[in-house]
Amino acid sequence: MNFHEVRFPATLSFGSVGGPERKTDVVTLANGFEERNTPWAHSRRRYDAGVGMRSLDDVEVLIAFFEARRGQLYGFRWKDWSDFKSARPSAEVDFEDQIIGHGDGVTKTRSLSKTYESGSHTYQRPISKPVEGTVRVGIQGDPLQETIDFDVDYASGIVTFAHPPAQGVAITAGFEFDVPVRFDADRIHTSVASFQAGDVPNVPIVEVRV
């Protein structure tokens, strides 16, 4: 698909608003009970980048980025400041943050993922855009060294081991990551007078599947 491996300026995304959305079909039956179903296995995130604009210089940077992506045509990376790493927001990334699988003695590749847990229920989110230089991987509690024990495809989130992890061993990873997104509109409305009066442009951003 059309995707540029470039990140939207993090200083501008810092002030944005947004988060995950789900698609749920709800049918109310004649007896008052409901049937609920979803066609989506994974959530999708939406943001408004316009809220992060603090000056006319920021608007100029936004327009340049928008033009370089040809509007909605090319996707790009986005840093979600509320959820951008495998650890808690107050903690440092560690190679034991997430369990990404168990060895079978044959498979040499694993995909990065982040697990969200609430009570006895969990959701495993695929991570396809890790941030270069931040991925830490371990096997059964022992840290591994990148480029020697494993390699990472930072465009897909796939980890390739030099040797297949042994049968049953836990494979863990820690990382920072971006969200693959695109602009959700082919035009941006800006006004110098309105901006100076406190109005900010509406710049919708939506996550894309990669």
Protein backbone atom coordinates (compact mmCIF):
# COMPACT_ATOMS: atom_id res chain seq x y z
CA MET A 1 0.00 0.00 0.00
CA ASN A 2 1.04 3.66 -0.30
CA PHE A 3 2.95 4.41 2.90
CA HIS A 4 5.77 6.79 3.77
CA GLU A 5 8.02 5.68 6.64
CA VAL A 6 8.07 9.17 8.13
CA ARG A 7 6.58 10.37 11.40
CA PHE A 8 4.19 13.29 11.74
CA PRO A 9 6.08 15.95 13.79
CA ALA A 10 5.84 14.72 17.38
CA THR A 11 5.76 18.28 18.73
CA LEU A 12 2.48 18.81 16.87
CA SER A 13 0.88 15.46 17.71
CA PHE A 14 1.61 16.07 21.41
CA GLY A 15 -1.39 18.38 21.77
CA SER A 16 -3.78 16.33 19.63
CA VAL A 17 -6.91 14.55 20.83
CA GLY A 18 -8.11 11.09 19.88
CA GLY A 19 -8.04 7.41 20.69
CA PRO A 20 -9.40 3.98 19.74
CA GLU A 21 -12.78 3.28 18.21
CA ARG A 22 -14.71 0.04 17.74
CA LYS A 23 -17.49 -0.95 15.35
CA THR A 24 -20.29 -2.81 17.12
CA ASP A 25 -23.59 -3.85 15.53
CA VAL A 26 -26.37 -3.83 18.12
CA VAL A 27 -29.77 -5.39 17.39
CA THR A 28 -32.56 -5.01 19.95
CA LEU A 29 -34.92 -7.98 19.87
CA ALA A 30 -38.69 -7.86 20.39
CA ASN A 31 -38.28 -9.14 23.96
CA GLY A 32 -35.90 -6.29 24.83
CA PHE A 33 -32.73 -8.36 24.82
CA GLU A 34 -29.82 -7.37 22.59
CA GLU A 35 -27.59 -9.20 20.16
CA ARG A 36 -24.19 -7.59 19.71
CA ASN A 37 -21.54 -8.42 17.13
CA THR A 38 -18.53 -6.78 15.50
CA PRO A 39 -16.92 -7.20 12.07
CA TRP A 40 -13.63 -5.80 13.41
CA ALA A 41 -11.05 -7.98 15.11
CA HIS A 42 -9.02 -4.90 16.04
CA SER A 43 -9.82 -1.35 17.08
CA ARG A 44 -8.97 1.65 14.92
CA ARG A 45 -7.68 4.97 16.17
CA ARG A 46 -8.73 8.47 15.17
CA TYR A 47 -7.10 11.80 16.03
CA ASP A 48 -7.46 15.51 15.41
CA ALA A 49 -4.08 17.03 14.66
CA GLY A 50 -5.43 20.58 14.49
CA VAL A 51 -5.63 20.88 18.28
CA GLY A 52 -1.83 20.68 18.47
CA MET A 53 -1.27 23.83 16.39
CA ARG A 54 0.17 26.59 18.60
CA SER A 55 1.51 29.07 16.06
CA LEU A 56 1.40 29.97 12.39
CA ASP A 57 4.78 28.27 12.04
CA ASP A 58 3.12 25.04 13.19
CA VAL A 59 0.43 25.49 10.54
CA GLU A 60 3.12 25.91 7.88
CA VAL A 61 4.77 22.65 9.01
CA LEU A 62 1.38 20.92 8.90
CA ILE A 63 0.64 22.12 5.37
CA ALA A 64 4.09 21.04 4.14
CA PHE A 65 3.58 17.57 5.64
CA PHE A 66 0.07 17.36 4.16
CA GLU A 67 1.31 18.30 0.70
CA ALA A 68 4.20 15.83 0.84
CA ARG A 69 1.70 13.04 1.64
CA ARG A 70 -0.58 14.20 -1.21
CA GLY A 71 -3.49 14.49 1.21
CA GLN A 72 -5.03 11.07 1.84
CA LEU A 73 -2.86 9.27 -0.73
CA TYR A 74 0.11 8.27 1.44
CA GLY A 75 0.04 6.94 4.96
CA PHE A 76 2.58 7.91 7.61
CA ARG A 77 3.63 7.29 11.20
CA TRP A 78 1.91 8.97 14.14
CA LYS A 79 3.05 9.12 17.77
CA ASP A 80 0.11 8.63 20.12
CA TRP A 81 1.44 10.26 23.27
CA SER A 82 -1.13 8.48 25.43
CA ASP A 83 -0.08 5.01 24.21
CA PHE A 84 3.30 4.68 22.50
CA LYS A 85 5.29 2.00 24.32
CA SER A 86 5.07 -1.53 25.67
CA ALA A 87 5.50 -0.45 29.28
CA ARG A 88 3.37 1.75 31.51
CA PRO A 89 3.70 5.48 30.73
CA SER A 90 5.79 6.02 33.88
CA ALA A 91 8.14 3.07 33.22
CA GLU A 92 11.09 2.51 30.92
CA VAL A 93 10.90 -0.01 28.09
CA ASP A 94 12.17 -3.44 29.17
CA PHE A 95 12.66 -6.66 27.22
CA GLU A 96 10.19 -8.46 29.51
CA ASP A 97 7.29 -6.02 28.99
CA GLN A 98 5.24 -8.19 26.62
CA ILE A 99 5.03 -11.91 25.86
CA ILE A 100 4.90 -12.16 22.07
CA GLY A 101 4.88 -15.94 21.82
CA HIS A 102 6.51 -19.23 22.75
CA GLY A 103 9.19 -21.11 20.89
CA ASP A 104 8.50 -24.27 18.92
CA GLY A 105 12.05 -25.07 17.86
CA VAL A 106 11.19 -24.34 14.21
CA THR A 107 9.77 -20.83 13.73
CA LYS A 108 12.35 -18.03 13.42
CA THR A 109 9.97 -15.06 13.09
CA ARG A 110 7.55 -13.41 15.52
CA SER A 111 5.34 -10.34 15.19
CA LEU A 112 5.43 -7.67 17.86
CA SER A 113 2.22 -7.14 19.83
CA LYS A 114 0.92 -5.38 22.92
CA THR A 115 -1.57 -7.00 25.29
CA TYR A 116 -4.23 -4.92 27.05
CA GLU A 117 -5.60 -6.59 30.17
CA SER A 118 -8.65 -5.89 32.33
CA GLY A 119 -9.63 -8.52 34.86
CA SER A 120 -9.64 -11.92 33.16
CA HIS A 121 -10.09 -10.43 29.68
CA THR A 122 -7.31 -9.45 27.28
CA TYR A 123 -6.87 -7.92 23.84
CA GLN A 124 -3.71 -8.43 21.79
CA ARG A 125 -2.92 -5.50 19.50
CA PRO A 126 -0.57 -6.07 16.55
CA ILE A 127 2.34 -3.63 16.47
CA SER A 128 3.49 -3.02 12.89
CA LYS A 129 5.45 0.21 13.27
CA PRO A 130 8.01 -0.07 16.09
CA VAL A 131 10.37 2.87 16.55
CA GLU A 132 13.86 2.14 15.30
CA GLY A 133 16.40 1.48 18.04
CA THR A 134 13.84 0.90 20.81
CA VAL A 135 13.09 -2.83 20.42
CA ARG A 136 14.34 -5.08 23.22
CA VAL A 137 13.87 -8.87 22.96
CA GLY A 138 14.47 -11.71 25.39
CA ILE A 139 14.01 -15.46 25.65
CA GLN A 140 13.09 -17.12 28.92
CA GLY A 141 14.28 -14.12 30.96
CA ASP A 142 17.59 -13.63 29.13
CA PRO A 143 18.08 -10.47 27.01
CA LEU A 144 19.18 -10.82 23.40
CA GLN A 145 21.30 -8.47 21.31
CA GLU A 146 19.93 -6.94 18.12
CA THR A 147 21.84 -7.66 14.88
CA ILE A 148 23.50 -10.65 16.58
CA ASP A 149 20.66 -12.71 18.08
CA PHE A 150 17.79 -11.12 16.16
CA ASP A 151 16.85 -8.51 13.57
CA VAL A 152 13.77 -6.27 13.39
CA ASP A 153 11.87 -5.15 10.31
CA TYR A 154 10.81 -1.69 11.50
CA ALA A 155 8.37 -1.33 8.62
CA SER A 156 6.34 -4.41 9.62
CA GLY A 157 7.10 -5.19 13.28
CA ILE A 158 8.46 -8.66 12.50
CA VAL A 159 11.33 -10.01 14.60
CA THR A 160 13.62 -12.60 12.95
CA PHE A 161 15.83 -14.72 15.19
CA ALA A 162 19.25 -16.02 14.21
CA HIS A 163 18.15 -19.42 15.55
CA PRO A 164 14.61 -20.68 16.24
CA PRO A 165 13.71 -20.33 19.95
CA ALA A 166 13.56 -23.72 21.68
CA GLN A 167 10.30 -25.55 22.31
CA GLY A 168 8.15 -23.92 25.01
CA VAL A 169 10.40 -20.99 25.94
CA ALA A 170 8.73 -17.61 26.48
CA ILE A 171 9.62 -14.93 23.94
CA THR A 172 9.32 -11.40 25.34
CA ALA A 173 9.80 -7.92 23.94
CA GLY A 174 9.70 -4.25 24.85
CA PHE A 175 9.49 -1.34 22.42
CA GLU A 176 8.17 2.06 21.50
CA PHE A 177 5.83 2.22 18.53
CA ASP A 178 3.97 4.50 16.14
CA VAL A 179 0.47 4.19 14.70
CA PRO A 180 0.15 3.81 10.89
CA VAL A 181 -2.28 6.54 9.81
CA ARG A 182 -3.34 8.82 6.96
CA PHE A 183 -5.12 12.13 6.67
CA ASP A 184 -8.88 11.58 6.66
CA ALA A 185 -9.59 14.57 4.40
CA ASP A 186 -8.18 15.89 1.14
CA ARG A 187 -8.28 19.53 2.19
CA ILE A 188 -7.22 21.70 5.12
CA HIS A 189 -8.99 24.98 5.88
CA THR A 190 -6.83 27.62 7.55
CA SER A 191 -7.40 31.29 8.30
CA VAL A 192 -4.80 33.59 9.81
CA ALA A 193 -7.47 35.81 11.38
CA SER A 194 -9.37 32.86 12.85
CA PHE A 195 -6.19 31.21 14.12
CA GLN A 196 -5.06 34.37 15.90
CA ALA A 197 -8.54 34.58 17.44
CA GLY A 198 -8.10 31.15 18.99
CA ASP A 199 -9.72 28.92 16.36
CA VAL A 200 -7.71 25.92 15.18
CA PRO A 201 -8.09 24.01 11.89
CA ASN A 202 -9.80 20.61 11.88
CA VAL A 203 -7.24 18.02 10.72
CA PRO A 204 -8.71 14.50 11.01
CA ILE A 205 -6.30 11.56 11.15
CA VAL A 206 -7.36 7.89 10.92
CA GLU A 207 -5.46 4.65 11.47
CA VAL A 208 -4.86 2.37 8.46
CA ARG A 209 -4.34 -1.37 8.26
CA VAL A 210 -0.88 -2.36 7.04
